[in-house]
């Protein structure tokens, strides 16, 4: 990420940061229904009825694929940096471990068999940051969970 895209007061990302990208299922799930629609419409009438589904498929698939390629989760010693991309740019959110209260992992209906999960990070102010299509083998969940201060240790201080 170049310097002009970096928001003010953002955390510096060092060389030891871990970058986690979404699993390929992040964009494939959005693609499958359109490929089926395109195949069915092409089988009936490729010349006339095949054009509209093709245009619609491209209009849905391309932005989702670009978003998938431009989205990542960066793990530093003090923060999780969410970088969410789209066709028109990127949005960056820095989440400090000191502001996190709880982290939850939920694979969803297909996540276990396809190897991904959603990670919900609850902040102390009640907001929740959802990180979608995180590969099961990524260190993200363990990294965050090991750095969150448990409630019991805070109350004993």
Foldseek 3Di string as FASTA:
>chain_A
DDDVQDDPPADDADPPKDKFAFDPVQLVVQQVVLVVVLVVQCVVPVPPSNPVSVVVSCVRRVFSVQQRVQWIWIGDLFWIWTWTATPVGIDIDTGGLAQWADKDWAQPDCRVVVFFTWIWTAGPVGDIDIDGRTGNPDCVVVSSVVSHDYPVVVVVD
